[in-house]
């Protein structure tokens, strides 16, 4: 059984790109309760499994995804 990954549009370096599985990946990584640096590496590793990320955009993509991760994590804990 193959899981259907939801596509999500994010703006990176002024361009809108579509990534598969962002919501699911962020949820999974959050549940791992890792340190920030480990979480960032894990997010990118998982995003690359389902999406091609041009090397020159990796830092910007990580920055946007990390922002989404932190926002989601804060919202999940009552938004401190």
C-alpha atoms as a PDB file:
ATOM      1  CA  UNK A   1       0.000   0.000   0.000  1.00  0.00           C
ATOM      2  CA  UNK A   2       1.512   3.287  -1.106  1.00  0.00           C
ATOM      3  CA  UNK A   3       0.845   6.376   0.958  1.00  0.00           C
ATOM      4  CA  UNK A   4      -0.394   9.337  -1.049  1.00  0.00           C
ATOM      5  CA  UNK A   5       1.737  12.361  -0.186  1.00  0.00           C
ATOM      6  CA  UNK A   6       0.051  15.733  -0.183  1.00  0.00           C
ATOM      7  CA  UNK A   7       1.742  18.388  -2.273  1.00  0.00           C
ATOM      8  CA  UNK A   8       2.472  21.724  -0.701  1.00  0.00           C
ATOM      9  CA  UNK A   9       3.592  24.967  -2.328  1.00  0.00           C
ATOM     10  CA  UNK A  10       6.279  27.022  -0.641  1.00  0.00           C
ATOM     11  CA  UNK A  11       8.088  30.164  -1.749  1.00  0.00           C
ATOM     12  CA  UNK A  12      11.855  29.767  -1.943  1.00  0.00           C
ATOM     13  CA  UNK A  13      14.157  32.543  -3.150  1.00  0.00           C
ATOM     14  CA  UNK A  14      11.162  34.368  -4.614  1.00  0.00           C
ATOM     15  CA  UNK A  15       9.919  31.328  -6.562  1.00  0.00           C
ATOM     16  CA  UNK A  16       6.999  29.097  -5.733  1.00  0.00           C
ATOM     17  CA  UNK A  17       7.928  25.415  -5.685  1.00  0.00           C
ATOM     18  CA  UNK A  18       5.852  22.336  -4.966  1.00  0.00           C
ATOM     19  CA  UNK A  19       7.097  19.723  -2.518  1.00  0.00           C
ATOM     20  CA  UNK A  20       5.508  16.387  -1.714  1.00  0.00           C
ATOM     21  CA  UNK A  21       4.974  15.158   1.815  1.00  0.00           C
ATOM     22  CA  UNK A  22       6.009  18.282   3.745  1.00  0.00           C
ATOM     23  CA  UNK A  23       3.219  18.065   6.323  1.00  0.00           C
ATOM     24  CA  UNK A  24       3.769  14.345   6.915  1.00  0.00           C
ATOM     25  CA  UNK A  25       7.559  14.759   7.143  1.00  0.00           C
ATOM     26  CA  UNK A  26       7.346  17.624   9.645  1.00  0.00           C
ATOM     27  CA  UNK A  27       4.911  15.611  11.756  1.00  0.00           C
ATOM     28  CA  UNK A  28       7.183  12.550  11.746  1.00  0.00           C
ATOM     29  CA  UNK A  29      10.332  14.529  12.581  1.00  0.00           C
ATOM     30  CA  UNK A  30       8.564  16.368  15.401  1.00  0.00           C
ATOM     31  CA  UNK A  31       7.646  13.009  16.935  1.00  0.00           C
ATOM     32  CA  UNK A  32      11.326  11.984  16.972  1.00  0.00           C
ATOM     33  CA  UNK A  33      12.124  14.668  19.602  1.00  0.00           C
ATOM     34  CA  UNK A  34      15.639  15.332  18.324  1.00  0.00           C
ATOM     35  CA  UNK A  35      17.941  18.317  18.798  1.00  0.00           C
ATOM     36  CA  UNK A  36      17.439  21.178  16.323  1.00  0.00           C
ATOM     37  CA  UNK A  37      20.450  20.358  14.158  1.00  0.00           C
ATOM     38  CA  UNK A  38      19.472  16.683  13.919  1.00  0.00           C
ATOM     39  CA  UNK A  39      15.888  17.640  13.120  1.00  0.00           C
ATOM     40  CA  UNK A  40      17.033  19.930  10.306  1.00  0.00           C
ATOM     41  CA  UNK A  41      19.171  17.183   8.762  1.00  0.00           C
ATOM     42  CA  UNK A  42      16.325  14.686   9.084  1.00  0.00           C
ATOM     43  CA  UNK A  43      13.807  17.050   7.480  1.00  0.00           C
ATOM     44  CA  UNK A  44      16.069  17.586   4.465  1.00  0.00           C
ATOM     45  CA  UNK A  45      16.895  13.884   4.193  1.00  0.00           C
ATOM     46  CA  UNK A  46      13.207  12.986   4.108  1.00  0.00           C
ATOM     47  CA  UNK A  47      12.207  15.828   1.784  1.00  0.00           C
ATOM     48  CA  UNK A  48      14.935  14.723  -0.673  1.00  0.00           C
ATOM     49  CA  UNK A  49      13.490  11.197  -0.650  1.00  0.00           C
ATOM     50  CA  UNK A  50      10.328  12.459  -2.373  1.00  0.00           C
ATOM     51  CA  UNK A  51      11.502  15.648  -4.094  1.00  0.00           C
ATOM     52  CA  UNK A  52      14.410  16.884  -6.169  1.00  0.00           C
ATOM     53  CA  UNK A  53      16.010  19.859  -4.423  1.00  0.00           C
ATOM     54  CA  UNK A  54      18.564  21.740  -6.547  1.00  0.00           C
ATOM     55  CA  UNK A  55      21.795  22.037  -4.530  1.00  0.00           C
ATOM     56  CA  UNK A  56      21.801  25.828  -4.867  1.00  0.00           C
ATOM     57  CA  UNK A  57      18.352  25.994  -3.208  1.00  0.00           C
ATOM     58  CA  UNK A  58      18.976  23.581  -0.335  1.00  0.00           C
ATOM     59  CA  UNK A  59      19.730  26.234   2.281  1.00  0.00           C
ATOM     60  CA  UNK A  60      16.709  28.338   1.320  1.00  0.00           C
ATOM     61  CA  UNK A  61      14.431  25.284   1.249  1.00  0.00           C
ATOM     62  CA  UNK A  62      15.672  24.196   4.670  1.00  0.00           C
ATOM     63  CA  UNK A  63      15.150  27.701   6.017  1.00  0.00           C
ATOM     64  CA  UNK A  64      11.510  27.754   4.847  1.00  0.00           C
ATOM     65  CA  UNK A  65      10.827  24.202   6.071  1.00  0.00           C
ATOM     66  CA  UNK A  66      12.476  24.902   9.424  1.00  0.00           C
ATOM     67  CA  UNK A  67      10.236  27.950   9.826  1.00  0.00           C
ATOM     68  CA  UNK A  68       7.181  25.788   9.111  1.00  0.00           C
ATOM     69  CA  UNK A  69       8.443  23.160  11.543  1.00  0.00           C
ATOM     70  CA  UNK A  70       8.934  25.665  14.364  1.00  0.00           C
ATOM     71  CA  UNK A  71       5.553  27.284  13.698  1.00  0.00           C
ATOM     72  CA  UNK A  72       3.843  23.906  13.721  1.00  0.00           C
ATOM     73  CA  UNK A  73       5.709  22.788  16.843  1.00  0.00           C
ATOM     74  CA  UNK A  74       4.730  25.989  18.655  1.00  0.00           C
ATOM     75  CA  UNK A  75       1.097  25.628  17.595  1.00  0.00           C
ATOM     76  CA  UNK A  76       1.075  22.033  18.780  1.00  0.00           C
ATOM     77  CA  UNK A  77       2.179  23.042  22.252  1.00  0.00           C
ATOM     78  CA  UNK A  78      -0.383  25.742  22.864  1.00  0.00           C
ATOM     79  CA  UNK A  79       1.537  28.424  20.986  1.00  0.00           C
ATOM     80  CA  UNK A  80       3.974  29.824  23.527  1.00  0.00           C
END
